[in-house]
Amino acid sequence: MSKIGDLIRRHLKNFTPYSTARDDFKGDRGIFLDANENALGSVTSENWNRYPDPRQSHLKEAMGKIKGIAQECIFMGNGSDEPIDLLIRGFCEPGIDEVMIFPPTYGMYKVVANINNVSVNEVLLTQDFQLDMTLIKSALNNHVKIIFICSPNNPTGNLIQVKDIWDLATVFKGIIVIDEAYIDFTDTPSWIEVLSKFPHLVVLQTLSKAWGLASLRLGMAFCHPKIVDVLNLIKPSYNISGPVQNQVLKALKEEDQMRSFVEEIKELKKELESALNQLPIVLKVYPSEANFFLVKFKNVQEIFQYLIRNEIILRDRSGLVLCEDCIRITVGTAFENKQLILTLKNYLKI
């Protein structure tokens, strides 16, 4: 297994980042005459005239208690997309290195790699949406620096087998990113628990799903402190706004409410799955550990457009490999799910 320092891009090893006085000062009180702010206050009723904590110290302290992990192992980003981008920028040489992904999977891995001129080495999942370990090992080469694994996977909803991820983490010398955006909807332990065994592992999580904070755009990377250092080295100074930090701190006190949401969504999910399986236009509802289903339909494009005309917006995934004729359906409220099923039944009457 390579040392983290050996994986970082060469020109970043002696890189001097943009720094602020707030990076050096520890505390919340003081006379701040460093950042050319408006010292008189804000034009709003709330005082947003000061720049936020660039390291999100209070937020990381609260998150660390919930996740059972040290603050120095936490990076906070503008959604999970920011750490995805920073990982590629920090560890992949454009035009030389590669990332490996396993389609069908979350589309941003490929988009961000393309933006950064980093090649994408794609190895398809198996027909049951698991890692094809034989193909993966034959496709690995010295240019692959990062492997992205989404589990539960988006758009398929299934968990990737633990034994395969463990095997890959054992043999691969680069960075392995496990995207756990939907982990709160499963009964499976997070890979955060084994970070001490695999210093090259990065676990992504988000507050957008189970916590219901998608609009606040707060994502997290849990990893070795040296990887956190790399992300902090190249991130924008104040990447998480003050209002977001304050709102998330309040939200983290409501973990019981989040658990309640999860249990309710699971019940609604069972009802929706049962209703979908009774429709003759539904060919298959794929097993899911997330808050959505991948559903295979007859006449998928006709149905998708019919739903749009009836103001029901789903995610057409039929253009993705292994997802032909499929639509991804998020579990909604009881009313929303009922309206979806009623609309699909009305389609059958046409």
Protein backbone atom coordinates (compact mmCIF):
# COMPACT_ATOMS: atom_id res chain seq x y z
CA MET A 1 0.00 0.00 0.00
CA SER A 2 1.40 3.39 -1.01
CA LYS A 3 1.94 6.20 1.49
CA ILE A 4 -0.48 9.10 1.12
CA GLY A 5 2.44 11.44 0.44
CA ASP A 6 3.48 9.31 -2.53
CA LEU A 7 0.02 9.63 -4.11
CA ILE A 8 -0.35 13.42 -4.01
CA ARG A 9 0.38 15.32 -7.23
CA ARG A 10 4.02 16.37 -7.38
CA HIS A 11 3.48 20.10 -7.73
CA LEU A 12 1.29 20.15 -4.60
CA LYS A 13 3.92 18.70 -2.30
CA ASN A 14 5.51 22.12 -1.77
CA PHE A 15 2.40 24.11 -2.63
CA THR A 16 1.63 27.29 -0.66
CA PRO A 17 -2.14 27.73 -0.45
CA TYR A 18 -4.04 30.97 -0.05
CA SER A 19 -4.25 31.56 3.68
CA THR A 20 -6.41 33.72 5.92
CA ALA A 21 -5.76 35.07 9.39
CA ARG A 22 -8.72 32.98 10.55
CA ASP A 23 -6.72 29.85 9.71
CA ASP A 24 -4.19 30.83 12.37
CA PHE A 25 -6.54 32.27 15.02
CA LYS A 26 -8.35 29.80 17.28
CA GLY A 27 -11.51 31.16 18.89
CA ASP A 28 -14.81 32.91 18.26
CA ARG A 29 -14.20 36.24 20.00
CA GLY A 30 -11.75 38.96 19.18
CA ILE A 31 -11.24 42.22 17.31
CA PHE A 32 -11.20 41.15 13.67
CA LEU A 33 -9.46 43.74 11.52
CA ASP A 34 -7.92 41.28 9.07
CA ALA A 35 -10.38 40.58 6.24
CA ASN A 36 -11.71 43.97 5.09
CA GLU A 37 -15.22 43.11 6.27
CA ASN A 38 -17.90 45.68 7.07
CA ALA A 39 -17.38 46.11 10.81
CA LEU A 40 -20.68 47.97 11.25
CA GLY A 41 -22.80 44.91 10.54
CA SER A 42 -25.04 43.43 7.85
CA VAL A 43 -27.91 44.94 5.90
CA THR A 44 -30.06 42.08 7.18
CA SER A 45 -31.38 41.59 10.68
CA GLU A 46 -28.80 38.84 11.22
CA ASN A 47 -25.10 39.58 11.37
CA TRP A 48 -23.56 37.91 8.35
CA ASN A 49 -20.85 40.56 7.95
CA ARG A 50 -18.04 38.28 9.16
CA TYR A 51 -16.48 35.47 7.14
CA PRO A 52 -17.26 31.97 8.42
CA ASP A 53 -14.85 29.58 10.14
CA PRO A 54 -12.77 28.24 7.24
CA ARG A 55 -12.20 24.90 9.04
CA GLN A 56 -15.76 24.46 10.42
CA SER A 57 -14.39 23.54 13.86
CA HIS A 58 -17.67 23.47 15.80
CA LEU A 59 -19.40 21.57 13.02
CA LYS A 60 -16.65 18.95 12.86
CA GLU A 61 -16.73 18.56 16.64
CA ALA A 62 -20.47 17.85 16.54
CA MET A 63 -20.19 15.56 13.53
CA GLY A 64 -17.28 13.68 15.06
CA LYS A 65 -19.38 12.83 18.12
CA ILE A 66 -22.19 11.47 15.94
CA LYS A 67 -19.89 9.44 13.68
CA GLY A 68 -17.42 8.39 16.38
CA ILE A 69 -14.43 9.82 14.55
CA ALA A 70 -11.73 12.41 15.29
CA GLN A 71 -12.16 15.92 13.88
CA GLU A 72 -8.88 15.72 11.99
CA CYS A 73 -10.38 12.87 9.93
CA ILE A 74 -13.29 15.00 8.68
CA PHE A 75 -13.48 17.24 5.62
CA MET A 76 -16.58 19.35 4.98
CA GLY A 77 -17.54 20.22 1.43
CA ASN A 78 -20.17 22.01 -0.62
CA GLY A 79 -22.11 18.79 -1.11
CA SER A 80 -20.25 15.55 -1.83
CA ASP A 81 -19.38 16.90 -5.27
CA GLU A 82 -16.72 19.22 -3.83
CA PRO A 83 -14.61 16.50 -2.17
CA ILE A 84 -15.01 14.39 -5.34
CA ASP A 85 -13.55 17.27 -7.35
CA LEU A 86 -10.82 18.03 -4.81
CA LEU A 87 -9.74 14.39 -4.60
CA ILE A 88 -9.27 14.24 -8.37
CA ARG A 89 -7.45 17.59 -8.42
CA GLY A 90 -5.27 16.61 -5.49
CA PHE A 91 -4.20 13.15 -6.58
CA CYS A 92 -4.56 12.85 -10.38
CA GLU A 93 -2.16 14.37 -12.92
CA PRO A 94 -4.25 15.65 -15.86
CA GLY A 95 -3.57 13.80 -19.09
CA ILE A 96 -1.62 11.08 -17.25
CA ASP A 97 -3.58 9.52 -14.40
CA GLU A 98 -6.95 7.76 -14.43
CA VAL A 99 -9.91 7.20 -12.16
CA MET A 100 -11.83 3.94 -12.24
CA ILE A 101 -15.63 3.77 -12.02
CA PHE A 102 -18.20 0.99 -12.31
CA PRO A 103 -21.20 1.92 -14.48
CA PRO A 104 -24.04 2.27 -13.98
CA THR A 105 -23.14 4.60 -11.13
CA TYR A 106 -23.31 8.21 -9.97
CA GLY A 107 -22.60 10.40 -12.99
CA MET A 108 -20.55 13.11 -11.28
CA TYR A 109 -17.44 10.93 -10.95
CA LYS A 110 -17.05 10.89 -14.73
CA VAL A 111 -18.13 14.51 -15.21
CA VAL A 112 -15.60 15.83 -12.68
CA ALA A 113 -12.82 13.66 -14.11
CA ASN A 114 -13.57 14.96 -17.61
CA ILE A 115 -13.53 18.56 -16.39
CA ASN A 116 -10.09 17.94 -14.90
CA ASN A 117 -8.79 16.17 -18.03
CA VAL A 118 -8.38 12.90 -16.16
CA SER A 119 -9.14 9.70 -18.07
CA VAL A 120 -11.96 7.47 -16.87
CA ASN A 121 -11.33 3.73 -16.79
CA GLU A 122 -14.80 2.13 -16.86
CA VAL A 123 -15.50 -1.46 -15.79
CA LEU A 124 -19.16 -2.43 -15.99
CA LEU A 125 -20.96 -3.92 -13.04
CA THR A 126 -22.26 -7.45 -13.41
CA GLN A 127 -25.89 -8.13 -14.38
CA ASP A 128 -26.81 -8.14 -10.69
CA PHE A 129 -25.00 -4.80 -10.22
CA GLN A 130 -21.96 -6.11 -8.34
CA LEU A 131 -18.24 -5.59 -8.92
CA ASP A 132 -16.71 -7.86 -11.56
CA MET A 133 -13.49 -8.51 -9.67
CA THR A 134 -11.84 -10.43 -12.49
CA LEU A 135 -12.36 -7.61 -15.00
CA ILE A 136 -11.39 -4.96 -12.44
CA LYS A 137 -8.07 -6.58 -11.59
CA SER A 138 -7.22 -6.99 -15.27
CA ALA A 139 -8.12 -3.33 -15.96
CA LEU A 140 -6.01 -1.89 -13.13
CA ASN A 141 -2.77 -0.24 -14.21
CA ASN A 142 -0.17 2.12 -12.78
CA HIS A 143 -2.12 5.18 -13.95
CA VAL A 144 -5.25 4.45 -11.91
CA LYS A 145 -5.00 6.73 -8.86
CA ILE A 146 -8.59 6.76 -7.57
CA ILE A 147 -11.37 4.17 -7.57
CA PHE A 148 -14.95 5.35 -6.94
CA ILE A 149 -17.46 2.89 -5.46
CA CYS A 150 -21.03 3.96 -4.74
CA SER A 151 -22.71 1.79 -2.08
CA PRO A 152 -25.69 1.77 -1.92
CA ASN A 153 -25.26 2.38 -5.61
CA ASN A 154 -27.02 5.12 -7.53
CA PRO A 155 -29.09 4.46 -9.67
CA THR A 156 -29.44 0.74 -8.88
CA GLY A 157 -30.03 1.02 -5.12
CA ASN A 158 -28.09 -2.08 -4.07
CA LEU A 159 -25.18 -2.42 -1.66
CA ILE A 160 -21.86 -3.53 -3.12
CA GLN A 161 -20.63 -6.75 -1.53
CA VAL A 162 -18.35 -6.10 1.45
CA LYS A 163 -15.96 -8.91 0.55
CA ASP A 164 -15.27 -7.38 -2.88
CA ILE A 165 -14.58 -3.90 -1.51
CA TRP A 166 -12.35 -5.42 1.16
CA ASP A 167 -10.48 -7.38 -1.51
CA LEU A 168 -10.01 -4.26 -3.63
CA ALA A 169 -8.87 -2.18 -0.65
CA THR A 170 -6.28 -4.86 0.07
CA VAL A 171 -4.74 -5.07 -3.42
CA PHE A 172 -5.12 -1.51 -4.77
CA LYS A 173 -2.42 1.00 -3.79
CA GLY A 174 -4.24 4.21 -4.72
CA ILE A 175 -7.20 6.07 -3.19
CA ILE A 176 -10.49 4.17 -2.83
CA VAL A 177 -13.56 6.37 -2.42
CA ILE A 178 -16.71 4.74 -1.03
CA ASP A 179 -19.71 7.00 -1.60
CA GLU A 180 -22.25 6.31 1.15
CA ALA A 181 -24.84 8.96 0.30
CA TYR A 182 -27.65 6.51 1.11
CA ILE A 183 -26.05 4.61 4.01
CA ASP A 184 -28.59 5.92 6.55
CA PHE A 185 -31.35 3.91 4.86
CA THR A 186 -29.51 0.61 5.39
CA ASP A 187 -28.75 -1.55 8.40
CA THR A 188 -25.19 -2.04 7.18
CA PRO A 189 -22.27 -0.49 9.11
CA SER A 190 -20.41 2.36 7.45
CA TRP A 191 -16.91 1.85 6.09
CA ILE A 192 -15.92 4.64 8.48
CA GLU A 193 -15.46 1.87 11.04
CA VAL A 194 -12.46 0.39 9.19
CA LEU A 195 -10.63 3.58 8.22
CA SER A 196 -7.85 2.72 10.66
CA LYS A 197 -7.14 -0.47 8.68
CA PHE A 198 -7.08 1.28 5.30
CA PRO A 199 -5.42 4.74 5.35
CA HIS A 200 -6.06 5.09 1.59
CA LEU A 201 -9.85 4.80 2.06
CA VAL A 202 -12.15 7.83 1.77
CA VAL A 203 -15.79 7.56 2.86
CA LEU A 204 -18.22 10.14 1.48
CA GLN A 205 -21.51 10.92 3.21
CA THR A 206 -24.07 13.68 2.90
CA LEU A 207 -26.79 15.46 4.84
CA SER A 208 -28.89 15.82 1.68
CA LYS A 209 -30.80 12.54 1.95
CA ALA A 210 -31.84 11.10 5.32
CA TRP A 211 -31.26 14.39 7.14
CA GLY A 212 -33.38 16.28 4.60
CA LEU A 213 -30.85 19.12 4.14
CA ALA A 214 -30.27 18.98 0.39
CA SER A 215 -30.67 22.74 -0.03
CA LEU A 216 -27.85 23.43 2.44
CA ARG A 217 -25.31 21.47 0.34
CA LEU A 218 -23.19 19.89 3.06
CA GLY A 219 -21.13 16.81 2.20
CA MET A 220 -18.44 15.06 4.20
CA ALA A 221 -15.31 13.08 3.51
CA PHE A 222 -14.06 10.86 6.33
CA CYS A 223 -10.47 9.77 5.82
CA HIS A 224 -6.87 9.75 7.03
CA PRO A 225 -5.74 13.19 8.33
CA LYS A 226 -3.11 13.39 5.57
CA ILE A 227 -5.83 13.15 2.94
CA VAL A 228 -7.83 15.81 4.80
CA ASP A 229 -4.70 17.98 4.68
CA VAL A 230 -4.57 17.64 0.90
CA LEU A 231 -8.23 18.63 0.53
CA ASN A 232 -7.76 21.60 2.87
CA LEU A 233 -4.68 22.63 0.89
CA ILE A 234 -6.64 23.18 -2.32
CA LYS A 235 -10.19 23.99 -1.21
CA PRO A 236 -11.61 27.53 -1.39
CA SER A 237 -10.90 29.30 1.89
CA TYR A 238 -14.51 29.72 3.01
CA ASN A 239 -16.20 26.84 1.22
CA ILE A 240 -19.00 26.37 3.79
CA SER A 241 -21.00 29.53 4.48
CA GLY A 242 -21.80 30.79 7.96
CA PRO A 243 -25.59 30.30 7.61
CA VAL A 244 -25.04 26.72 6.46
CA GLN A 245 -22.72 25.97 9.38
CA ASN A 246 -25.25 27.42 11.84
CA GLN A 247 -28.22 25.57 10.36
CA VAL A 248 -26.38 22.26 10.25
CA LEU A 249 -25.26 22.62 13.88
CA LYS A 250 -28.91 23.03 14.85
CA ALA A 251 -29.93 20.09 12.67
CA LEU A 252 -27.36 17.71 14.17
CA LYS A 253 -29.18 18.04 17.50
CA GLU A 254 -32.20 16.40 15.85
CA GLU A 255 -30.71 12.97 15.14
CA ASP A 256 -33.83 11.29 16.56
CA GLN A 257 -35.95 13.13 13.99
CA MET A 258 -33.65 11.89 11.23
CA ARG A 259 -34.07 8.31 12.47
CA SER A 260 -37.83 8.82 12.50
CA PHE A 261 -37.73 10.05 8.91
CA VAL A 262 -35.74 7.00 7.88
CA GLU A 263 -38.20 4.56 9.45
CA GLU A 264 -41.17 6.32 7.87
CA ILE A 265 -39.48 6.33 4.46
CA LYS A 266 -38.82 2.60 4.80
CA GLU A 267 -42.52 1.95 5.44
CA LEU A 268 -43.56 4.13 2.52
CA LYS A 269 -41.00 2.32 0.39
CA LYS A 270 -42.59 -1.07 1.14
CA GLU A 271 -46.03 0.24 0.19
CA LEU A 272 -44.74 1.81 -3.02
CA GLU A 273 -42.87 -1.33 -4.02
CA SER A 274 -45.99 -3.43 -3.53
CA ALA A 275 -48.11 -1.02 -5.58
CA LEU A 276 -45.59 -0.87 -8.42
CA ASN A 277 -45.33 -4.66 -8.61
CA GLN A 278 -49.08 -4.88 -9.19
CA LEU A 279 -48.93 -2.78 -12.37
CA PRO A 280 -48.78 -4.77 -15.64
CA ILE A 281 -46.54 -2.10 -17.20
CA VAL A 282 -43.87 -2.72 -14.56
CA LEU A 283 -41.45 -5.44 -15.63
CA LYS A 284 -39.20 -5.35 -12.57
CA VAL A 285 -38.63 -3.40 -9.38
CA TYR A 286 -34.99 -3.91 -8.51
CA PRO A 287 -34.05 -4.57 -4.86
CA SER A 288 -32.97 -1.37 -3.15
CA GLU A 289 -31.24 -0.37 0.09
CA ALA A 290 -31.75 3.33 -0.61
CA ASN A 291 -34.73 5.72 -0.64
CA PHE A 292 -35.45 5.02 -4.31
CA PHE A 293 -36.13 2.20 -6.73
CA LEU A 294 -34.82 1.40 -10.18
CA VAL A 295 -37.91 0.24 -12.08
CA LYS A 296 -38.07 -1.44 -15.48
CA PHE A 297 -41.13 -0.51 -17.57
CA LYS A 298 -42.82 -1.47 -20.78
CA ASN A 299 -42.95 1.51 -23.19
CA VAL A 300 -40.62 3.43 -20.89
CA GLN A 301 -40.33 6.65 -22.91
CA GLU A 302 -44.05 6.91 -23.50
CA ILE A 303 -44.71 6.43 -19.78
CA PHE A 304 -41.98 8.89 -18.79
CA GLN A 305 -43.41 11.63 -21.04
CA TYR A 306 -46.95 10.88 -19.86
CA LEU A 307 -45.85 11.38 -16.25
CA ILE A 308 -44.14 14.67 -17.13
CA ARG A 309 -47.34 15.91 -18.78
CA ASN A 310 -49.07 15.09 -15.50
CA GLU A 311 -46.44 17.01 -13.53
CA ILE A 312 -44.79 13.94 -12.01
CA ILE A 313 -41.04 14.18 -12.41
CA LEU A 314 -38.98 11.00 -12.20
CA ARG A 315 -35.42 10.25 -13.38
CA ASP A 316 -35.10 8.57 -16.77
CA ARG A 317 -32.17 6.15 -16.53
CA SER A 318 -32.98 4.13 -19.65
CA GLY A 319 -29.97 5.53 -21.49
CA LEU A 320 -27.49 4.08 -19.01
CA VAL A 321 -25.73 0.78 -19.59
CA LEU A 322 -27.51 -2.13 -17.84
CA CYS A 323 -30.47 0.19 -17.11
CA GLU A 324 -32.32 -0.13 -20.40
CA ASP A 325 -36.08 0.64 -20.06
CA CYS A 326 -35.55 1.83 -16.48
CA ILE A 327 -36.77 4.84 -14.51
CA ARG A 328 -35.48 5.77 -11.06
CA ILE A 329 -38.27 6.58 -8.62
CA THR A 330 -37.63 8.33 -5.31
CA VAL A 331 -39.90 7.40 -2.41
CA GLY A 332 -42.18 10.37 -1.81
CA THR A 333 -44.84 11.21 0.76
CA ALA A 334 -47.87 8.93 1.05
CA PHE A 335 -49.84 11.41 -1.07
CA GLU A 336 -47.13 11.71 -3.72
CA ASN A 337 -46.71 7.95 -4.00
CA LYS A 338 -50.48 7.51 -4.31
CA GLN A 339 -50.64 10.13 -7.07
CA LEU A 340 -47.84 8.37 -8.94
CA ILE A 341 -49.66 5.02 -8.83
CA LEU A 342 -53.00 6.60 -9.80
CA THR A 343 -51.37 8.34 -12.75
CA LEU A 344 -49.75 5.10 -13.91
CA LYS A 345 -53.13 3.39 -13.65
CA ASN A 346 -54.69 6.17 -15.70
CA TYR A 347 -52.02 5.58 -18.34
CA LEU A 348 -53.22 1.98 -18.59
CA LYS A 349 -56.70 3.24 -19.47
CA ILE A 350 -55.49 5.16 -22.54
